[in-house]
């Protein structure tokens, strides 16, 4: 069990996330951080797809990086709190304020980092929406906080299911520099090929890969 998961429920939620990714993608590829990430840190990523949270979570799990994430609909599926989910409902300012304060305490104490989609909403690619003020606020409240830019892209062309690409940029202290870095990563991911990345998670093979009858004929001929 990773440090992210809390107890048996956390373990079950982790398995659910992993199974969902395996079913959704042909493979998940990544360009991991070349060196250990500075802590405390905020990992910021674009939000172009439904699976973004799952993909980023799985990367965090593999890095064994204790991290919390703000979730607008945590009340709809409370078990996510066992893998770091913190409530962040859109219509409840009091709950959001309480979560921000708790996050600041966790960051300052070194107990956890934060995974954040700073655009505040999922949208179709390309590009980025303006960042909310949350990232800038956290940088002011947590001395020495590092921002780790992350880019996510899904490629649908060569396989029955999309290929997912995830890439980490250089940590920075400046929110605007981090935003520019995410845009640059997304530009680089436009030409991403599996050969240039490491396998983060093996997904589901294409139907022709799973049911290639030539293999059956080859076995009969031996």
Protein backbone atom coordinates (compact mmCIF):
# COMPACT_ATOMS: atom_id res chain seq x y z
CA UNK A 1 0.00 0.00 0.00
CA UNK A 2 1.32 3.47 -0.86
CA UNK A 3 1.53 6.30 1.65
CA UNK A 4 -1.45 7.84 -0.13
CA UNK A 5 -3.90 5.13 0.84
CA UNK A 6 -5.43 5.05 4.31
CA UNK A 7 -6.50 1.60 5.47
CA UNK A 8 -8.48 -1.02 3.55
CA UNK A 9 -10.88 1.53 2.04
CA UNK A 10 -7.97 3.54 0.66
CA UNK A 11 -6.48 0.37 -0.81
CA UNK A 12 -9.79 -0.46 -2.51
CA UNK A 13 -10.13 3.05 -3.96
CA UNK A 14 -6.56 2.86 -5.30
CA UNK A 15 -7.39 -0.44 -7.02
CA UNK A 16 -10.54 1.12 -8.51
CA UNK A 17 -8.55 4.04 -9.92
CA UNK A 18 -5.96 1.70 -11.43
CA UNK A 19 -8.60 -0.58 -12.99
CA UNK A 20 -10.38 2.42 -14.49
CA UNK A 21 -7.14 3.64 -16.10
CA UNK A 22 -6.32 0.17 -17.43
CA UNK A 23 -9.75 -0.07 -19.07
CA UNK A 24 -9.68 3.47 -20.46
CA UNK A 25 -6.23 3.55 -22.09
CA UNK A 26 -4.04 1.46 -24.31
CA UNK A 27 -1.11 2.57 -22.15
CA UNK A 28 -0.19 5.45 -19.88
CA UNK A 29 3.24 6.92 -20.64
CA UNK A 30 5.17 9.47 -18.65
CA UNK A 31 8.23 11.60 -18.39
CA UNK A 32 8.85 11.38 -14.62
CA UNK A 33 10.69 14.00 -12.57
CA UNK A 34 14.45 13.57 -13.18
CA UNK A 35 15.19 14.30 -9.51
CA UNK A 36 13.13 14.03 -6.29
CA UNK A 37 10.53 16.78 -6.13
CA UNK A 38 11.06 19.58 -3.61
CA UNK A 39 8.67 19.60 -0.70
CA UNK A 40 6.33 21.15 0.10
CA UNK A 41 5.07 21.51 -3.43
CA UNK A 42 1.93 22.07 -5.47
CA UNK A 43 1.63 19.95 -8.60
CA UNK A 44 -0.39 21.91 -11.16
CA UNK A 45 -1.82 20.38 -14.33
CA UNK A 46 -4.09 21.23 -17.25
CA UNK A 47 -7.61 19.82 -17.04
CA UNK A 48 -8.63 18.65 -20.51
CA UNK A 49 -10.07 15.23 -19.73
CA UNK A 50 -12.23 13.21 -17.34
CA UNK A 51 -9.35 10.94 -16.33
CA UNK A 52 -6.93 13.74 -15.43
CA UNK A 53 -7.37 13.27 -11.69
CA UNK A 54 -6.92 9.52 -11.89
CA UNK A 55 -3.78 9.80 -14.04
CA UNK A 56 -2.19 12.40 -11.79
CA UNK A 57 -3.13 10.39 -8.71
CA UNK A 58 -1.51 7.25 -10.11
CA UNK A 59 1.70 9.16 -10.84
CA UNK A 60 1.70 10.54 -7.28
CA UNK A 61 1.20 7.03 -5.95
CA UNK A 62 4.14 5.67 -7.96
CA UNK A 63 6.30 8.57 -6.75
CA UNK A 64 5.14 7.75 -3.19
CA UNK A 65 4.54 11.45 -2.64
CA UNK A 66 2.00 12.17 0.14
CA UNK A 67 -0.48 14.52 -1.49
CA UNK A 68 -3.97 15.93 -0.99
CA UNK A 69 -6.32 17.12 -3.72
CA UNK A 70 -9.31 19.48 -3.66
CA UNK A 71 -12.46 17.75 -4.90
CA UNK A 72 -15.62 19.64 -5.79
CA UNK A 73 -17.82 16.54 -5.55
CA UNK A 74 -16.21 14.64 -2.68
CA UNK A 75 -19.59 14.32 -0.97
CA UNK A 76 -20.79 12.25 -3.93
CA UNK A 77 -18.12 9.63 -3.27
CA UNK A 78 -16.72 10.04 0.27
CA UNK A 79 -14.26 7.09 0.03
CA UNK A 80 -11.94 9.37 -1.98
CA UNK A 81 -11.03 11.03 1.33
CA UNK A 82 -9.05 7.86 2.10
CA UNK A 83 -6.65 8.63 -0.74
CA UNK A 84 -6.21 12.33 -0.03
CA UNK A 85 -9.43 13.95 -1.20
CA UNK A 86 -10.44 17.20 0.54
CA UNK A 87 -13.88 18.72 0.06
CA UNK A 88 -14.02 21.85 -2.13
CA UNK A 89 -17.70 22.38 -3.08
CA UNK A 90 -18.35 25.16 -5.58
CA UNK A 91 -21.41 26.52 -3.76
CA UNK A 92 -20.04 26.40 -0.20
CA UNK A 93 -17.56 29.19 0.50
CA UNK A 94 -17.21 28.19 4.15
CA UNK A 95 -16.19 24.62 3.28
CA UNK A 96 -13.71 25.83 0.66
CA UNK A 97 -12.15 28.27 3.13
CA UNK A 98 -11.79 25.52 5.73
CA UNK A 99 -10.10 23.25 3.16
CA UNK A 100 -7.69 25.99 2.09
CA UNK A 101 -6.71 26.61 5.72
CA UNK A 102 -6.20 22.91 6.32
CA UNK A 103 -4.11 22.64 3.17
CA UNK A 104 -1.89 25.54 4.28
CA UNK A 105 -1.31 23.77 7.61
CA UNK A 106 -0.43 20.50 5.86
CA UNK A 107 1.97 22.23 3.48
CA UNK A 108 3.67 24.23 6.22
CA UNK A 109 4.12 21.16 8.42
CA UNK A 110 5.46 19.03 5.57
CA UNK A 111 2.74 16.41 6.10
CA UNK A 112 1.43 16.61 2.55
CA UNK A 113 1.73 18.26 -0.83
CA UNK A 114 -1.14 19.40 -3.06
CA UNK A 115 -2.29 18.29 -6.50
CA UNK A 116 -4.21 21.16 -8.10
CA UNK A 117 -6.02 21.87 -11.36
CA UNK A 118 -5.61 25.66 -11.17
CA UNK A 119 -7.95 26.42 -14.08
CA UNK A 120 -10.80 25.51 -11.74
CA UNK A 121 -12.81 23.62 -14.36
CA UNK A 122 -12.42 20.92 -16.99
CA UNK A 123 -12.53 22.13 -20.60
CA UNK A 124 -11.73 20.92 -24.08
CA UNK A 125 -8.16 21.35 -25.37
CA UNK A 126 -6.08 23.17 -26.40
CA UNK A 127 -4.68 25.88 -24.18
CA UNK A 128 -5.36 26.86 -20.61
CA UNK A 129 -8.09 28.83 -18.91
CA UNK A 130 -7.01 31.67 -16.58
CA UNK A 131 -5.76 30.31 -13.27
CA UNK A 132 -7.83 30.92 -10.17
CA UNK A 133 -6.25 32.94 -7.35
CA UNK A 134 -5.74 29.85 -5.19
CA UNK A 135 -2.22 29.09 -6.41
CA UNK A 136 -0.98 32.64 -5.84
CA UNK A 137 -2.63 32.66 -2.39
CA UNK A 138 -0.89 29.43 -1.37
CA UNK A 139 2.49 30.75 -2.50
CA UNK A 140 2.00 33.80 -0.28
CA UNK A 141 0.93 31.74 2.73
CA UNK A 142 3.50 28.91 2.54
CA UNK A 143 7.11 30.08 2.61
CA UNK A 144 9.35 28.24 0.15
CA UNK A 145 6.48 26.52 -1.64
CA UNK A 146 7.52 25.00 -4.98
CA UNK A 147 5.22 24.69 -7.97
CA UNK A 148 5.64 21.61 -10.18
CA UNK A 149 4.13 22.02 -13.67
CA UNK A 150 2.54 18.92 -15.20
CA UNK A 151 1.13 18.37 -18.67
CA UNK A 152 -1.47 15.74 -19.66
CA UNK A 153 -2.49 14.75 -23.17
CA UNK A 154 -4.56 11.95 -24.73
CA UNK A 155 -3.77 10.73 -28.23
CA UNK A 156 -6.50 8.91 -30.17
CA UNK A 157 -5.31 7.50 -33.48
CA UNK A 158 -3.16 4.38 -33.53
CA UNK A 159 -5.09 2.19 -31.11
CA UNK A 160 -8.60 1.18 -30.09
CA UNK A 161 -8.14 3.15 -26.87
CA UNK A 162 -6.23 6.43 -26.46
CA UNK A 163 -2.63 6.66 -25.36
CA UNK A 164 -2.13 8.90 -22.34
CA UNK A 165 1.00 11.04 -21.96
CA UNK A 166 2.08 12.71 -18.73
CA UNK A 167 5.13 14.94 -18.38
CA UNK A 168 6.70 16.84 -15.47
CA UNK A 169 8.41 20.20 -15.83
CA UNK A 170 11.00 21.98 -13.72
CA UNK A 171 9.81 23.20 -10.31
CA UNK A 172 9.52 26.94 -9.85
CA UNK A 173 8.42 29.43 -7.18
CA UNK A 174 6.56 31.71 -9.60
CA UNK A 175 2.91 30.99 -10.57
CA UNK A 176 3.15 32.72 -13.94
CA UNK A 177 6.34 30.88 -14.81
CA UNK A 178 4.61 27.64 -13.87
CA UNK A 179 1.69 28.46 -16.16
CA UNK A 180 4.04 29.13 -19.07
CA UNK A 181 5.80 25.85 -18.32
CA UNK A 182 2.53 23.90 -18.50
CA UNK A 183 1.79 25.47 -21.88
CA UNK A 184 5.26 24.53 -23.10
CA UNK A 185 4.83 20.94 -21.91
CA UNK A 186 1.50 20.70 -23.73
CA UNK A 187 3.15 21.96 -26.91
CA UNK A 188 5.84 19.30 -26.59
CA UNK A 189 3.24 16.60 -25.95
CA UNK A 190 1.60 17.38 -29.30
CA UNK A 191 4.33 15.33 -30.97
CA UNK A 192 4.73 12.76 -28.20
CA UNK A 193 5.53 9.17 -29.20
CA UNK A 194 5.72 6.21 -26.80
CA UNK A 195 9.37 5.61 -27.71
CA UNK A 196 10.32 8.83 -25.96
CA UNK A 197 8.54 8.04 -22.69
CA UNK A 198 8.54 5.48 -19.91
CA UNK A 199 5.61 3.17 -19.30
CA UNK A 200 3.68 4.29 -16.23
CA UNK A 201 0.79 1.85 -16.53
CA UNK A 202 -0.02 -0.90 -19.02
CA UNK A 203 -3.60 -0.59 -20.21
CA UNK A 204 -5.84 -2.73 -22.44
CA UNK A 205 -4.55 -4.12 -25.71
CA UNK A 206 -6.51 -3.60 -28.93
CA UNK A 207 -8.98 -6.30 -29.90
CA UNK A 208 -6.70 -7.35 -32.77
CA UNK A 209 -3.79 -7.62 -30.32
CA UNK A 210 -5.83 -9.77 -27.95
CA UNK A 211 -7.45 -12.01 -30.57
CA UNK A 212 -4.76 -12.45 -33.23
CA UNK A 213 -5.59 -15.92 -34.62
CA UNK A 214 -2.17 -16.19 -36.21
CA UNK A 215 -0.79 -17.05 -32.80
CA UNK A 216 -3.25 -19.94 -32.53
CA UNK A 217 -2.16 -21.24 -35.93
CA UNK A 218 1.49 -20.96 -34.93
CA UNK A 219 0.88 -23.04 -31.81
CA UNK A 220 -0.95 -25.74 -33.81
CA UNK A 221 1.94 -25.96 -36.25
CA UNK A 222 4.52 -26.69 -33.55
